[in-house]
Amino acid sequence: MVRFLIVGCINTAVGTCIMFGLYNLAHWSYWLSSAANYTLTSILSFFLNKYFTFQSKTWSFREVLRFILNIAVCYFLAYGAAKPLVRLLLADSTQVIRDNVSMLVGMVLFTCCNYIGQRFFTFK
């Protein structure tokens, strides 16, 4: 768990800059900026979690497919749940505030789902 959190901190720092930079500075949409974040940081995450966190020694196409599937499922669950939840809770806020808070909530939900998926599905 400690190693996963270290990798998570690295990915979070990089991903936060990517996601919030693309959304707030480049004016990309909620979905494009968050997807770009997870596409780019997932590559880094795969190698760090495989070798550092879970110390997986095997290499297989099946493992790569499991990793991609896990990331995709976690992404759509986390960000798909975060957006309507925050919209409900912050109905009187601007769209920009709701989207930024949704991305923060999505990050937390994604991290929880991703740990479980990587631990018990991808690198079991």
Protein backbone atom coordinates (compact mmCIF):
# COMPACT_ATOMS: atom_id res chain seq x y z
CA MET A 1 0.00 0.00 0.00
CA VAL A 2 2.85 2.44 0.82
CA ARG A 3 4.51 1.85 -2.54
CA PHE A 4 1.18 2.28 -4.30
CA LEU A 5 0.71 5.61 -2.52
CA ILE A 6 4.20 6.79 -3.56
CA VAL A 7 3.45 5.93 -7.19
CA GLY A 8 0.06 7.56 -6.76
CA CYS A 9 1.64 10.79 -5.50
CA ILE A 10 3.94 10.93 -8.52
CA ASN A 11 1.06 10.23 -10.90
CA THR A 12 -1.21 12.67 -9.09
CA ALA A 13 1.31 15.50 -9.35
CA VAL A 14 1.88 14.92 -13.06
CA GLY A 15 -1.77 14.19 -13.82
CA THR A 16 -3.10 17.17 -11.89
CA CYS A 17 -0.90 19.51 -13.91
CA ILE A 18 -2.03 17.88 -17.15
CA MET A 19 -5.74 17.74 -16.35
CA PHE A 20 -6.25 21.12 -14.72
CA GLY A 21 -3.86 22.79 -17.16
CA LEU A 22 -5.73 21.46 -20.16
CA TYR A 23 -9.12 22.31 -18.66
CA ASN A 24 -8.39 25.76 -17.22
CA LEU A 25 -5.60 27.04 -19.49
CA ALA A 26 -6.19 25.30 -22.82
CA HIS A 27 -10.01 25.22 -22.31
CA TRP A 28 -10.39 21.56 -23.15
CA SER A 29 -13.60 19.86 -22.02
CA TYR A 30 -14.04 17.94 -18.76
CA TRP A 31 -13.89 14.61 -20.56
CA LEU A 32 -10.95 15.41 -22.87
CA SER A 33 -8.75 16.92 -20.17
CA SER A 34 -9.41 14.11 -17.69
CA ALA A 35 -8.96 11.45 -20.40
CA ALA A 36 -5.65 12.98 -21.53
CA ASN A 37 -4.47 12.89 -17.92
CA TYR A 38 -5.26 9.20 -17.47
CA THR A 39 -3.99 8.18 -20.88
CA LEU A 40 -0.58 9.76 -20.29
CA THR A 41 -0.14 8.91 -16.62
CA SER A 42 -1.40 5.36 -17.07
CA ILE A 43 1.68 4.50 -19.09
CA LEU A 44 3.89 5.73 -16.25
CA SER A 45 1.67 4.04 -13.69
CA PHE A 46 1.84 0.68 -15.45
CA PHE A 47 5.61 0.46 -15.25
CA LEU A 48 5.93 1.91 -11.75
CA ASN A 49 3.21 -0.30 -10.29
CA LYS A 50 4.33 -3.42 -12.15
CA TYR A 51 7.96 -3.27 -11.08
CA PHE A 52 8.00 -1.09 -7.96
CA THR A 53 4.64 -1.52 -6.21
CA PHE A 54 3.58 -5.08 -6.96
CA GLN A 55 7.00 -6.38 -8.08
CA SER A 56 5.48 -8.41 -10.87
CA LYS A 57 8.22 -10.33 -12.72
CA THR A 58 6.12 -11.68 -15.56
CA TRP A 59 5.41 -9.94 -18.82
CA SER A 60 2.40 -10.82 -20.87
CA PHE A 61 0.02 -9.28 -23.35
CA ARG A 62 -2.79 -10.46 -21.10
CA GLU A 63 -1.42 -8.39 -18.21
CA VAL A 64 -1.25 -5.29 -20.43
CA LEU A 65 -4.85 -5.86 -21.53
CA ARG A 66 -5.95 -6.28 -17.92
CA PHE A 67 -4.21 -3.04 -17.01
CA ILE A 68 -5.91 -1.15 -19.86
CA LEU A 69 -9.29 -2.65 -18.96
CA ASN A 70 -8.83 -1.77 -15.29
CA ILE A 71 -7.89 1.84 -16.10
CA ALA A 72 -10.82 2.24 -18.49
CA VAL A 73 -13.39 0.79 -16.07
CA CYS A 74 -12.06 2.82 -13.14
CA TYR A 75 -11.96 6.00 -15.22
CA PHE A 76 -15.54 5.75 -16.47
CA LEU A 77 -16.89 4.70 -13.05
CA ALA A 78 -15.05 7.45 -11.15
CA TYR A 79 -15.54 10.35 -13.52
CA GLY A 80 -18.99 9.22 -14.58
CA ALA A 81 -20.09 9.21 -10.92
CA ALA A 82 -18.25 12.38 -9.92
CA LYS A 83 -19.85 14.70 -12.46
CA PRO A 84 -23.54 14.11 -11.59
CA LEU A 85 -22.79 13.93 -7.87
CA VAL A 86 -21.01 17.28 -7.84
CA ARG A 87 -23.63 18.81 -10.15
CA LEU A 88 -26.27 17.82 -7.59
CA LEU A 89 -24.29 19.09 -4.58
CA LEU A 90 -23.08 22.32 -6.20
CA ALA A 91 -26.10 23.14 -8.34
CA ASP A 92 -25.78 26.88 -7.67
CA SER A 93 -22.11 27.04 -8.67
CA THR A 94 -20.72 27.87 -12.09
CA GLN A 95 -19.93 25.13 -14.61
CA VAL A 96 -16.19 25.77 -14.21
CA ILE A 97 -16.35 25.29 -10.44
CA ARG A 98 -18.49 22.17 -10.77
CA ASP A 99 -16.14 20.67 -13.36
CA ASN A 100 -13.02 21.42 -11.30
CA VAL A 101 -14.57 19.91 -8.17
CA SER A 102 -15.81 16.95 -10.23
CA MET A 103 -12.27 16.33 -11.45
CA LEU A 104 -11.00 16.37 -7.85
CA VAL A 105 -13.71 13.96 -6.72
CA GLY A 106 -13.04 11.80 -9.78
CA MET A 107 -9.35 11.62 -8.86
CA VAL A 108 -10.18 10.29 -5.39
CA LEU A 109 -12.72 7.76 -6.66
CA PHE A 110 -10.36 6.65 -9.43
CA THR A 111 -7.51 6.07 -6.98
CA CYS A 112 -9.64 3.84 -4.77
CA CYS A 113 -11.02 1.79 -7.66
CA ASN A 114 -7.63 1.60 -9.37
CA TYR A 115 -5.83 0.20 -6.33
CA ILE A 116 -8.39 -2.56 -5.94
CA GLY A 117 -8.33 -3.35 -9.66
CA GLN A 118 -4.55 -3.41 -9.93
CA ARG A 119 -4.07 -5.38 -6.74
CA PHE A 120 -6.67 -8.06 -7.40
CA PHE A 121 -7.09 -8.07 -11.18
CA THR A 122 -4.09 -6.69 -13.07
CA PHE A 123 -1.11 -7.71 -10.92
CA LYS A 124 -2.71 -10.37 -8.73
